[in-house]
Amino acid sequence: MEINKKRIQKMRDIIYQNLMESYLPFPLDTKLYSSWTSDLPHDGDTVLYTSYMYQISGILKRYEALFPKIYRLNIPRRLMTASKFLIKPDNDELKRAFNILNSIKSMLSGSNLTFGYLYDQEPYSGALLLESGFINEYKEYGKKLYNFFSERGIRQIITVDPHTTNALKRYRDFIDFDIEVKNYLELVNFRGTGEYVIHDSCLYSRAMGMYSSIREKISNSGISASENYLVTGKEMGSCCGGPLSLVSTQDSEDISRSRAEKLLSVNKNVLVMCPLCYQNLAPYVGNIKDLAEVVS
């Protein structure tokens, strides 16, 4: 696997500069992506925080393909602004993302939790910096992000995906970040039906130690999980391939295909809890669902 270090450095610079200027890794139509709800308060000390992950998961690969062109053609960063009008998910992708977020909102509300939402002012978490190994940039952005939340009186953040959850929790390893971070799966109980093989998010199962607690909630919900230790065991379950895509598209796709084949050997129905896992496995799996699509 050949890594173009200059290209990676260019990508780092673009993402970091965008984040420090606009709280976004690249230009996004935030009014569109925050329009999935309109009935949540705009403020409060507890907020539901999407970091736009479900909304933009369908277009991330298009942005990944854009970065090499920016480097190769030396396109000025300011010209990337137009991309928010040109690179958008299709209506079905966006509708699916909005349905998932509304399902999560309903489960939280049903658990008697009170929370607001930042709408088009919502910032990105910084997960891309952390997972790409840009630790110095991640720390500096974390300071800016902490100030953003603190100035608005936010003391608790409810996250909806593993990448955002991990990024916010890991800030404490590097900076003073005393805002409480809870993933929605820690706060709700739900009901569901069907039989699925579970593809675990590496971050949920290993980094955050949620492997057993998530399975317990799924089992208690009424969903039957098909298990094979060599495929779904905590020590044996493998990555969807997504985190590698910025470095090598081919290697990422090979891992995704291999993981899908192993999951399908256990059950034809696959259950995920991460928007990026969904995007990477969906091309190879006929019936794949996010947990929030099959429970209530």
C-alpha atoms as a PDB file:
ATOM      1  CA  MET A   1       0.000   0.000   0.000  1.00  0.00           C
ATOM      2  CA  GLU A   2       1.606   3.237  -1.174  1.00  0.00           C
ATOM      3  CA  ILE A   3       0.941   6.357   0.909  1.00  0.00           C
ATOM      4  CA  ASN A   4       1.401   9.797  -0.620  1.00  0.00           C
ATOM      5  CA  LYS A   5       2.575  11.773   2.399  1.00  0.00           C
ATOM      6  CA  LYS A   6       2.330  15.143   0.697  1.00  0.00           C
ATOM      7  CA  ARG A   7      -1.256  14.447  -0.302  1.00  0.00           C
ATOM      8  CA  ILE A   8      -2.127  13.413   3.264  1.00  0.00           C
ATOM      9  CA  GLN A   9      -0.488  16.574   4.624  1.00  0.00           C
ATOM     10  CA  LYS A  10      -2.459  18.696   2.151  1.00  0.00           C
ATOM     11  CA  MET A  11      -5.652  16.972   3.243  1.00  0.00           C
ATOM     12  CA  ARG A  12      -4.765  17.628   6.897  1.00  0.00           C
ATOM     13  CA  ASP A  13      -4.156  21.308   6.231  1.00  0.00           C
ATOM     14  CA  ILE A  14      -7.443  21.753   4.358  1.00  0.00           C
ATOM     15  CA  ILE A  15      -9.540  19.962   6.978  1.00  0.00           C
ATOM     16  CA  TYR A  16      -7.860  21.721   9.905  1.00  0.00           C
ATOM     17  CA  GLN A  17      -8.149  25.190   8.399  1.00  0.00           C
ATOM     18  CA  ASN A  18     -11.803  24.628   7.574  1.00  0.00           C
ATOM     19  CA  LEU A  19     -12.531  23.420  11.093  1.00  0.00           C
ATOM     20  CA  MET A  20     -10.782  26.338  12.754  1.00  0.00           C
ATOM     21  CA  GLU A  21     -12.642  28.816  10.548  1.00  0.00           C
ATOM     22  CA  SER A  22     -16.127  27.306  10.314  1.00  0.00           C
ATOM     23  CA  TYR A  23     -16.319  24.245  12.645  1.00  0.00           C
ATOM     24  CA  LEU A  24     -16.813  22.108   9.507  1.00  0.00           C
ATOM     25  CA  PRO A  25     -14.235  19.819   7.831  1.00  0.00           C
ATOM     26  CA  PHE A  26     -15.429  20.886   4.373  1.00  0.00           C
ATOM     27  CA  PRO A  27     -18.279  23.083   3.089  1.00  0.00           C
ATOM     28  CA  LEU A  28     -21.686  21.702   4.039  1.00  0.00           C
ATOM     29  CA  ASP A  29     -25.235  22.876   3.569  1.00  0.00           C
ATOM     30  CA  THR A  30     -25.932  22.932   7.307  1.00  0.00           C
ATOM     31  CA  LYS A  31     -29.471  24.269   6.920  1.00  0.00           C
ATOM     32  CA  LEU A  32     -30.342  21.248   4.809  1.00  0.00           C
ATOM     33  CA  TYR A  33     -28.633  18.722   7.082  1.00  0.00           C
ATOM     34  CA  SER A  34     -30.217  20.128  10.240  1.00  0.00           C
ATOM     35  CA  SER A  35     -33.737  20.214   8.775  1.00  0.00           C
ATOM     36  CA  TRP A  36     -34.577  16.691   9.973  1.00  0.00           C
ATOM     37  CA  THR A  37     -36.348  18.242  12.977  1.00  0.00           C
ATOM     38  CA  SER A  38     -37.964  21.542  13.895  1.00  0.00           C
ATOM     39  CA  ASP A  39     -39.575  20.939  17.277  1.00  0.00           C
ATOM     40  CA  LEU A  40     -36.554  20.737  19.578  1.00  0.00           C
ATOM     41  CA  PRO A  41     -35.451  23.754  21.646  1.00  0.00           C
ATOM     42  CA  HIS A  42     -32.543  25.715  20.214  1.00  0.00           C
ATOM     43  CA  ASP A  43     -30.757  25.865  23.555  1.00  0.00           C
ATOM     44  CA  GLY A  44     -30.415  24.116  26.905  1.00  0.00           C
ATOM     45  CA  ASP A  45     -27.659  22.559  28.971  1.00  0.00           C
ATOM     46  CA  THR A  46     -28.216  19.177  27.252  1.00  0.00           C
ATOM     47  CA  VAL A  47     -28.152  18.825  23.466  1.00  0.00           C
ATOM     48  CA  LEU A  48     -28.666  16.034  20.967  1.00  0.00           C
ATOM     49  CA  TYR A  49     -25.536  16.169  18.823  1.00  0.00           C
ATOM     50  CA  THR A  50     -25.368  14.614  15.346  1.00  0.00           C
ATOM     51  CA  SER A  51     -22.060  16.081  14.109  1.00  0.00           C
ATOM     52  CA  TYR A  52     -23.770  15.630  10.694  1.00  0.00           C
ATOM     53  CA  MET A  53     -22.477  12.042  10.570  1.00  0.00           C
ATOM     54  CA  TYR A  54     -25.671  10.306   9.469  1.00  0.00           C
ATOM     55  CA  GLN A  55     -26.591  13.167   7.148  1.00  0.00           C
ATOM     56  CA  ILE A  56     -23.284  13.221   5.226  1.00  0.00           C
ATOM     57  CA  SER A  57     -22.188   9.576   5.421  1.00  0.00           C
ATOM     58  CA  GLY A  58     -23.441   8.998   1.879  1.00  0.00           C
ATOM     59  CA  ILE A  59     -21.222  11.713   0.386  1.00  0.00           C
ATOM     60  CA  LEU A  60     -17.998  11.177   2.332  1.00  0.00           C
ATOM     61  CA  LYS A  61     -16.520   8.960  -0.367  1.00  0.00           C
ATOM     62  CA  ARG A  62     -17.117  11.713  -2.908  1.00  0.00           C
ATOM     63  CA  TYR A  63     -15.185  14.128  -0.737  1.00  0.00           C
ATOM     64  CA  GLU A  64     -12.435  11.531  -0.290  1.00  0.00           C
ATOM     65  CA  ALA A  65     -12.157  11.330  -4.087  1.00  0.00           C
ATOM     66  CA  LEU A  66     -11.963  15.132  -4.256  1.00  0.00           C
ATOM     67  CA  PHE A  67      -8.918  15.487  -1.988  1.00  0.00           C
ATOM     68  CA  PRO A  68      -6.396  13.937  -4.434  1.00  0.00           C
ATOM     69  CA  LYS A  69      -7.656  16.264  -7.169  1.00  0.00           C
ATOM     70  CA  ILE A  70      -7.200  19.288  -4.897  1.00  0.00           C
ATOM     71  CA  TYR A  71      -3.637  18.212  -4.247  1.00  0.00           C
ATOM     72  CA  ARG A  72      -2.802  17.248  -7.835  1.00  0.00           C
ATOM     73  CA  LEU A  73      -4.362  20.315  -9.462  1.00  0.00           C
ATOM     74  CA  ASN A  74      -3.462  22.693  -6.616  1.00  0.00           C
ATOM     75  CA  ILE A  75      -7.051  23.954  -6.441  1.00  0.00           C
ATOM     76  CA  PRO A  76      -7.399  26.945  -4.084  1.00  0.00           C
ATOM     77  CA  ARG A  77      -9.213  26.004  -0.888  1.00  0.00           C
ATOM     78  CA  ARG A  78     -11.715  28.818  -1.305  1.00  0.00           C
ATOM     79  CA  LEU A  79     -13.012  27.174  -4.490  1.00  0.00           C
ATOM     80  CA  MET A  80     -14.116  24.191  -2.419  1.00  0.00           C
ATOM     81  CA  THR A  81     -17.000  26.334  -1.156  1.00  0.00           C
ATOM     82  CA  ALA A  82     -18.966  25.453  -4.258  1.00  0.00           C
ATOM     83  CA  SER A  83     -18.792  21.770  -3.345  1.00  0.00           C
ATOM     84  CA  LYS A  84     -21.589  22.130  -0.799  1.00  0.00           C
ATOM     85  CA  PHE A  85     -23.949  22.848  -3.690  1.00  0.00           C
ATOM     86  CA  LEU A  86     -22.502  20.162  -5.961  1.00  0.00           C
ATOM     87  CA  ILE A  87     -21.881  17.271  -3.576  1.00  0.00           C
ATOM     88  CA  LYS A  88     -25.104  16.297  -1.867  1.00  0.00           C
ATOM     89  CA  PRO A  89     -26.715  12.995  -0.895  1.00  0.00           C
ATOM     90  CA  ASP A  90     -29.641  11.891  -3.009  1.00  0.00           C
ATOM     91  CA  ASN A  91     -33.152  12.193  -1.618  1.00  0.00           C
ATOM     92  CA  ASP A  92     -33.365   8.553  -0.509  1.00  0.00           C
ATOM     93  CA  GLU A  93     -30.070   8.799   1.396  1.00  0.00           C
ATOM     94  CA  LEU A  94     -31.146  11.974   3.130  1.00  0.00           C
ATOM     95  CA  LYS A  95     -34.610  10.636   3.936  1.00  0.00           C
ATOM     96  CA  ARG A  96     -33.081   7.529   5.492  1.00  0.00           C
ATOM     97  CA  ALA A  97     -30.683   9.610   7.619  1.00  0.00           C
ATOM     98  CA  PHE A  98     -33.509  11.873   8.779  1.00  0.00           C
ATOM     99  CA  ASN A  99     -35.663   8.860   9.708  1.00  0.00           C
ATOM    100  CA  ILE A 100     -32.828   7.406  11.792  1.00  0.00           C
ATOM    101  CA  LEU A 101     -32.278  10.677  13.654  1.00  0.00           C
ATOM    102  CA  ASN A 102     -35.993  11.070  14.310  1.00  0.00           C
ATOM    103  CA  SER A 103     -36.134   7.508  15.617  1.00  0.00           C
ATOM    104  CA  ILE A 104     -33.297   8.266  18.026  1.00  0.00           C
ATOM    105  CA  LYS A 105     -34.998  11.489  19.093  1.00  0.00           C
ATOM    106  CA  SER A 106     -38.244   9.600  19.769  1.00  0.00           C
ATOM    107  CA  MET A 107     -36.482   6.948  21.858  1.00  0.00           C
ATOM    108  CA  LEU A 108     -34.756   9.614  23.944  1.00  0.00           C
ATOM    109  CA  SER A 109     -37.989  11.549  24.422  1.00  0.00           C
ATOM    110  CA  GLY A 110     -39.730   8.313  25.376  1.00  0.00           C
ATOM    111  CA  SER A 111     -37.130   7.876  28.111  1.00  0.00           C
ATOM    112  CA  ASN A 112     -38.275  11.192  29.614  1.00  0.00           C
ATOM    113  CA  LEU A 113     -35.088  13.024  28.655  1.00  0.00           C
ATOM    114  CA  THR A 114     -35.146  16.740  27.908  1.00  0.00           C
ATOM    115  CA  PHE A 115     -32.691  18.100  25.353  1.00  0.00           C
ATOM    116  CA  GLY A 116     -32.191  20.744  22.719  1.00  0.00           C
ATOM    117  CA  TYR A 117     -30.489  20.835  19.323  1.00  0.00           C
ATOM    118  CA  LEU A 118     -28.081  23.334  17.765  1.00  0.00           C
ATOM    119  CA  TYR A 119     -29.617  23.095  14.269  1.00  0.00           C
ATOM    120  CA  ASP A 120     -27.410  24.702  11.574  1.00  0.00           C
ATOM    121  CA  GLN A 121     -25.009  26.031  14.229  1.00  0.00           C
ATOM    122  CA  GLU A 122     -23.944  22.505  15.130  1.00  0.00           C
ATOM    123  CA  PRO A 123     -20.163  22.016  14.823  1.00  0.00           C
ATOM    124  CA  TYR A 124     -18.304  18.913  13.658  1.00  0.00           C
ATOM    125  CA  SER A 125     -16.684  16.759  16.349  1.00  0.00           C
ATOM    126  CA  GLY A 126     -13.117  16.568  15.011  1.00  0.00           C
ATOM    127  CA  ALA A 127     -13.249  12.765  14.628  1.00  0.00           C
ATOM    128  CA  LEU A 128     -11.584  12.922  11.213  1.00  0.00           C
ATOM    129  CA  LEU A 129      -8.492  14.563  12.720  1.00  0.00           C
ATOM    130  CA  LEU A 130      -8.230  11.994  15.514  1.00  0.00           C
ATOM    131  CA  GLU A 131      -8.750   8.973  13.290  1.00  0.00           C
ATOM    132  CA  SER A 132      -6.278  10.243  10.683  1.00  0.00           C
ATOM    133  CA  GLY A 133      -3.599  10.622  13.354  1.00  0.00           C
ATOM    134  CA  PHE A 134      -3.474  14.431  13.249  1.00  0.00           C
ATOM    135  CA  ILE A 135      -3.252  14.657  17.025  1.00  0.00           C
ATOM    136  CA  ASN A 136      -1.845  18.184  17.399  1.00  0.00           C
ATOM    137  CA  GLU A 137      -4.574  19.566  15.149  1.00  0.00           C
ATOM    138  CA  TYR A 138      -7.171  17.483  16.987  1.00  0.00           C
ATOM    139  CA  LYS A 139      -6.100  18.975  20.338  1.00  0.00           C
ATOM    140  CA  GLU A 140      -6.189  22.552  19.053  1.00  0.00           C
ATOM    141  CA  TYR A 141      -9.597  22.105  17.491  1.00  0.00           C
ATOM    142  CA  GLY A 142     -10.785  20.466  20.712  1.00  0.00           C
ATOM    143  CA  LYS A 143      -9.993  23.655  22.642  1.00  0.00           C
ATOM    144  CA  LYS A 144     -12.043  25.677  20.176  1.00  0.00           C
ATOM    145  CA  LEU A 145     -14.893  23.172  20.307  1.00  0.00           C
ATOM    146  CA  TYR A 146     -14.920  23.165  24.111  1.00  0.00           C
ATOM    147  CA  ASN A 147     -15.201  26.949  24.151  1.00  0.00           C
ATOM    148  CA  PHE A 148     -18.069  26.740  21.660  1.00  0.00           C
ATOM    149  CA  PHE A 149     -20.072  24.425  23.933  1.00  0.00           C
ATOM    150  CA  SER A 150     -19.142  26.227  27.155  1.00  0.00           C
ATOM    151  CA  GLU A 151     -20.171  29.644  25.849  1.00  0.00           C
ATOM    152  CA  ARG A 152     -23.629  28.199  25.168  1.00  0.00           C
ATOM    153  CA  GLY A 153     -23.973  26.694  28.630  1.00  0.00           C
ATOM    154  CA  ILE A 154     -23.905  23.110  27.346  1.00  0.00           C
ATOM    155  CA  ARG A 155     -22.998  20.635  30.079  1.00  0.00           C
ATOM    156  CA  GLN A 156     -24.142  17.338  28.548  1.00  0.00           C
ATOM    157  CA  ILE A 157     -23.960  16.088  24.963  1.00  0.00           C
ATOM    158  CA  ILE A 158     -25.972  13.125  23.670  1.00  0.00           C
ATOM    159  CA  THR A 159     -24.265  11.580  20.649  1.00  0.00           C
ATOM    160  CA  VAL A 160     -25.736   9.300  17.987  1.00  0.00           C
ATOM    161  CA  ASP A 161     -22.751   7.528  16.412  1.00  0.00           C
ATOM    162  CA  PRO A 162     -19.491   5.883  17.562  1.00  0.00           C
ATOM    163  CA  HIS A 163     -17.048   8.205  15.783  1.00  0.00           C
ATOM    164  CA  THR A 164     -18.483  11.342  17.347  1.00  0.00           C
ATOM    165  CA  THR A 165     -18.766   9.695  20.756  1.00  0.00           C
ATOM    166  CA  ASN A 166     -15.160   8.538  20.700  1.00  0.00           C
ATOM    167  CA  ALA A 167     -13.824  11.890  19.461  1.00  0.00           C
ATOM    168  CA  LEU A 168     -15.569  13.844  22.229  1.00  0.00           C
ATOM    169  CA  LYS A 169     -14.610  11.385  24.969  1.00  0.00           C
ATOM    170  CA  ARG A 170     -10.964  11.263  23.856  1.00  0.00           C
ATOM    171  CA  TYR A 171     -10.531  15.035  24.197  1.00  0.00           C
ATOM    172  CA  ARG A 172     -10.184  14.420  27.937  1.00  0.00           C
ATOM    173  CA  ASP A 173      -6.907  12.597  27.262  1.00  0.00           C
ATOM    174  CA  PHE A 174      -5.384  15.790  25.864  1.00  0.00           C
ATOM    175  CA  ILE A 175      -7.228  18.881  27.118  1.00  0.00           C
ATOM    176  CA  ASP A 176      -9.613  20.090  29.803  1.00  0.00           C
ATOM    177  CA  PHE A 177     -12.961  18.882  28.420  1.00  0.00           C
ATOM    178  CA  ASP A 178     -15.323  18.468  31.366  1.00  0.00           C
ATOM    179  CA  ILE A 179     -18.573  18.276  29.390  1.00  0.00           C
ATOM    180  CA  GLU A 180     -20.410  14.998  29.966  1.00  0.00           C
ATOM    181  CA  VAL A 181     -20.724  12.870  26.829  1.00  0.00           C
ATOM    182  CA  LYS A 182     -23.340  10.114  26.599  1.00  0.00           C
ATOM    183  CA  ASN A 183     -24.190   7.982  23.595  1.00  0.00           C
ATOM    184  CA  TYR A 184     -27.906   7.485  23.024  1.00  0.00           C
ATOM    185  CA  LEU A 185     -27.484   3.716  23.360  1.00  0.00           C
ATOM    186  CA  GLU A 186     -26.483   4.261  26.978  1.00  0.00           C
ATOM    187  CA  LEU A 187     -29.697   6.146  27.711  1.00  0.00           C
ATOM    188  CA  VAL A 188     -32.562   4.301  26.021  1.00  0.00           C
ATOM    189  CA  ASN A 189     -34.312   0.954  25.998  1.00  0.00           C
ATOM    190  CA  PHE A 190     -36.163  -0.177  22.894  1.00  0.00           C
ATOM    191  CA  ARG A 191     -38.315  -2.860  21.332  1.00  0.00           C
ATOM    192  CA  GLY A 192     -37.730  -4.664  18.054  1.00  0.00           C
ATOM    193  CA  THR A 193     -38.186  -7.890  16.115  1.00  0.00           C
ATOM    194  CA  GLY A 194     -36.275  -9.946  13.589  1.00  0.00           C
ATOM    195  CA  GLU A 195     -33.078 -11.957  13.414  1.00  0.00           C
ATOM    196  CA  TYR A 196     -29.784 -10.334  12.450  1.00  0.00           C
ATOM    197  CA  VAL A 197     -26.065 -10.813  12.572  1.00  0.00           C
ATOM    198  CA  ILE A 198     -24.527  -7.824  14.365  1.00  0.00           C
ATOM    199  CA  HIS A 199     -21.622  -5.951  12.847  1.00  0.00           C
ATOM    200  CA  ASP A 200     -20.052  -4.167  15.795  1.00  0.00           C
ATOM    201  CA  SER A 201     -18.488  -0.761  15.499  1.00  0.00           C
ATOM    202  CA  CYS A 202     -14.825  -1.185  16.472  1.00  0.00           C
ATOM    203  CA  LEU A 203     -15.119   2.002  18.531  1.00  0.00           C
ATOM    204  CA  TYR A 204     -18.203   0.866  20.448  1.00  0.00           C
ATOM    205  CA  SER A 205     -16.954  -2.654  21.114  1.00  0.00           C
ATOM    206  CA  ARG A 206     -13.252  -2.063  21.807  1.00  0.00           C
ATOM    207  CA  ALA A 207     -12.486   1.595  22.453  1.00  0.00           C
ATOM    208  CA  MET A 208     -15.575   2.249  24.585  1.00  0.00           C
ATOM    209  CA  GLY A 209     -16.225  -1.213  25.996  1.00  0.00           C
ATOM    210  CA  MET A 210     -19.890  -1.313  24.916  1.00  0.00           C
ATOM    211  CA  TYR A 211     -19.838  -4.745  23.251  1.00  0.00           C
ATOM    212  CA  SER A 212     -21.729  -6.602  26.000  1.00  0.00           C
ATOM    213  CA  SER A 213     -24.086  -3.793  27.037  1.00  0.00           C
ATOM    214  CA  ILE A 214     -25.273  -3.225  23.464  1.00  0.00           C
ATOM    215  CA  ARG A 215     -25.857  -6.936  22.949  1.00  0.00           C
ATOM    216  CA  GLU A 216     -27.800  -7.139  26.196  1.00  0.00           C
ATOM    217  CA  LYS A 217     -30.074  -4.284  25.108  1.00  0.00           C
ATOM    218  CA  ILE A 218     -30.589  -5.836  21.678  1.00  0.00           C
ATOM    219  CA  SER A 219     -31.426  -9.210  23.241  1.00  0.00           C
ATOM    220  CA  ASN A 220     -33.847  -7.625  25.723  1.00  0.00           C
ATOM    221  CA  SER A 221     -35.539  -5.740  22.891  1.00  0.00           C
ATOM    222  CA  GLY A 222     -36.817  -8.895  21.246  1.00  0.00           C
ATOM    223  CA  ILE A 223     -34.306  -8.975  18.387  1.00  0.00           C
ATOM    224  CA  SER A 224     -32.510 -12.301  17.935  1.00  0.00           C
ATOM    225  CA  ALA A 225     -28.773 -12.020  17.259  1.00  0.00           C
ATOM    226  CA  SER A 226     -27.074 -14.750  15.225  1.00  0.00           C
ATOM    227  CA  GLU A 227     -23.592 -15.316  16.603  1.00  0.00           C
ATOM    228  CA  ASN A 228     -20.418 -16.995  15.417  1.00  0.00           C
ATOM    229  CA  TYR A 229     -17.400 -16.296  17.609  1.00  0.00           C
ATOM    230  CA  LEU A 230     -15.017 -16.233  14.637  1.00  0.00           C
ATOM    231  CA  VAL A 231     -17.141 -13.534  12.975  1.00  0.00           C
ATOM    232  CA  THR A 232     -18.942 -11.647  15.753  1.00  0.00           C
ATOM    233  CA  GLY A 233     -16.821 -12.296  18.839  1.00  0.00           C
ATOM    234  CA  LYS A 234     -15.409  -9.184  20.503  1.00  0.00           C
ATOM    235  CA  GLU A 235     -11.851 -10.324  19.834  1.00  0.00           C
ATOM    236  CA  MET A 236     -12.561 -11.632  16.328  1.00  0.00           C
ATOM    237  CA  GLY A 237     -15.024  -9.163  14.766  1.00  0.00           C
ATOM    238  CA  SER A 238     -13.220  -7.090  12.160  1.00  0.00           C
ATOM    239  CA  CYS A 239     -13.443  -3.537  10.841  1.00  0.00           C
ATOM    240  CA  CYS A 240     -15.756  -2.470   7.999  1.00  0.00           C
ATOM    241  CA  GLY A 241     -12.753  -1.003   6.163  1.00  0.00           C
ATOM    242  CA  GLY A 242     -13.972   2.585   6.289  1.00  0.00           C
ATOM    243  CA  PRO A 243     -11.124   4.228   8.243  1.00  0.00           C
ATOM    244  CA  LEU A 244      -8.625   3.133   5.577  1.00  0.00           C
ATOM    245  CA  SER A 245     -10.382   4.770   2.652  1.00  0.00           C
ATOM    246  CA  LEU A 246      -8.570   8.118   2.880  1.00  0.00           C
ATOM    247  CA  VAL A 247      -5.261   6.293   2.481  1.00  0.00           C
ATOM    248  CA  SER A 248      -6.192   3.492   0.072  1.00  0.00           C
ATOM    249  CA  THR A 249      -9.590   3.124  -1.579  1.00  0.00           C
ATOM    250  CA  GLN A 250      -8.770  -0.327  -2.942  1.00  0.00           C
ATOM    251  CA  ASP A 251      -7.622  -1.762   0.384  1.00  0.00           C
ATOM    252  CA  SER A 252     -10.671  -0.259   2.101  1.00  0.00           C
ATOM    253  CA  GLU A 253     -13.035  -1.880  -0.400  1.00  0.00           C
ATOM    254  CA  ASP A 254     -11.271  -5.234  -0.119  1.00  0.00           C
ATOM    255  CA  ILE A 255     -11.725  -5.210   3.661  1.00  0.00           C
ATOM    256  CA  SER A 256     -15.375  -4.169   3.333  1.00  0.00           C
ATOM    257  CA  ARG A 257     -16.083  -6.977   0.884  1.00  0.00           C
ATOM    258  CA  SER A 258     -14.345  -9.560   3.064  1.00  0.00           C
ATOM    259  CA  ARG A 259     -16.194  -8.421   6.181  1.00  0.00           C
ATOM    260  CA  ALA A 260     -19.537  -8.541   4.368  1.00  0.00           C
ATOM    261  CA  GLU A 261     -18.887 -12.099   3.171  1.00  0.00           C
ATOM    262  CA  LYS A 262     -18.130 -13.250   6.725  1.00  0.00           C
ATOM    263  CA  LEU A 263     -21.241 -11.598   8.124  1.00  0.00           C
ATOM    264  CA  LEU A 264     -23.445 -13.116   5.413  1.00  0.00           C
ATOM    265  CA  SER A 265     -22.089 -16.564   6.259  1.00  0.00           C
ATOM    266  CA  VAL A 266     -23.823 -16.146   9.635  1.00  0.00           C
ATOM    267  CA  ASN A 267     -27.082 -14.442   8.580  1.00  0.00           C
ATOM    268  CA  LYS A 268     -28.342 -12.703   5.445  1.00  0.00           C
ATOM    269  CA  ASN A 269     -29.695  -9.838   7.576  1.00  0.00           C
ATOM    270  CA  VAL A 270     -27.011  -7.488   8.914  1.00  0.00           C
ATOM    271  CA  LEU A 271     -27.463  -4.956  11.735  1.00  0.00           C
ATOM    272  CA  VAL A 272     -25.110  -1.989  12.217  1.00  0.00           C
ATOM    273  CA  MET A 273     -24.958   0.978  14.603  1.00  0.00           C
ATOM    274  CA  CYS A 274     -22.721   3.311  12.646  1.00  0.00           C
ATOM    275  CA  PRO A 275     -23.424   5.354   9.500  1.00  0.00           C
ATOM    276  CA  LEU A 276     -19.952   4.681   8.109  1.00  0.00           C
ATOM    277  CA  CYS A 277     -20.198   0.931   8.671  1.00  0.00           C
ATOM    278  CA  TYR A 278     -23.482   1.026   6.768  1.00  0.00           C
ATOM    279  CA  GLN A 279     -21.964   2.872   3.810  1.00  0.00           C
ATOM    280  CA  ASN A 280     -18.984   0.539   3.573  1.00  0.00           C
ATOM    281  CA  LEU A 281     -20.902  -2.724   3.883  1.00  0.00           C
ATOM    282  CA  ALA A 282     -24.105  -1.848   2.001  1.00  0.00           C
ATOM    283  CA  PRO A 283     -22.666  -2.430  -1.506  1.00  0.00           C
ATOM    284  CA  TYR A 284     -22.081  -6.079  -0.582  1.00  0.00           C
ATOM    285  CA  VAL A 285     -25.104  -6.807   1.635  1.00  0.00           C
ATOM    286  CA  GLY A 286     -28.672  -7.071   0.349  1.00  0.00           C
ATOM    287  CA  ASN A 287     -30.454  -6.424   3.657  1.00  0.00           C
ATOM    288  CA  ILE A 288     -28.527  -4.141   5.999  1.00  0.00           C
ATOM    289  CA  LYS A 289     -30.172  -1.944   8.611  1.00  0.00           C
ATOM    290  CA  ASP A 290     -29.131   0.541  11.249  1.00  0.00           C
ATOM    291  CA  LEU A 291     -30.360  -0.411  14.710  1.00  0.00           C
ATOM    292  CA  ALA A 292     -32.424   2.800  14.887  1.00  0.00           C
ATOM    293  CA  GLU A 293     -34.321   1.657  11.760  1.00  0.00           C
ATOM    294  CA  VAL A 294     -35.638  -1.538  13.346  1.00  0.00           C
ATOM    295  CA  VAL A 295     -36.400  -0.561  16.945  1.00  0.00           C
ATOM    296  CA  SER A 296     -38.633   1.944  18.685  1.00  0.00           C
END
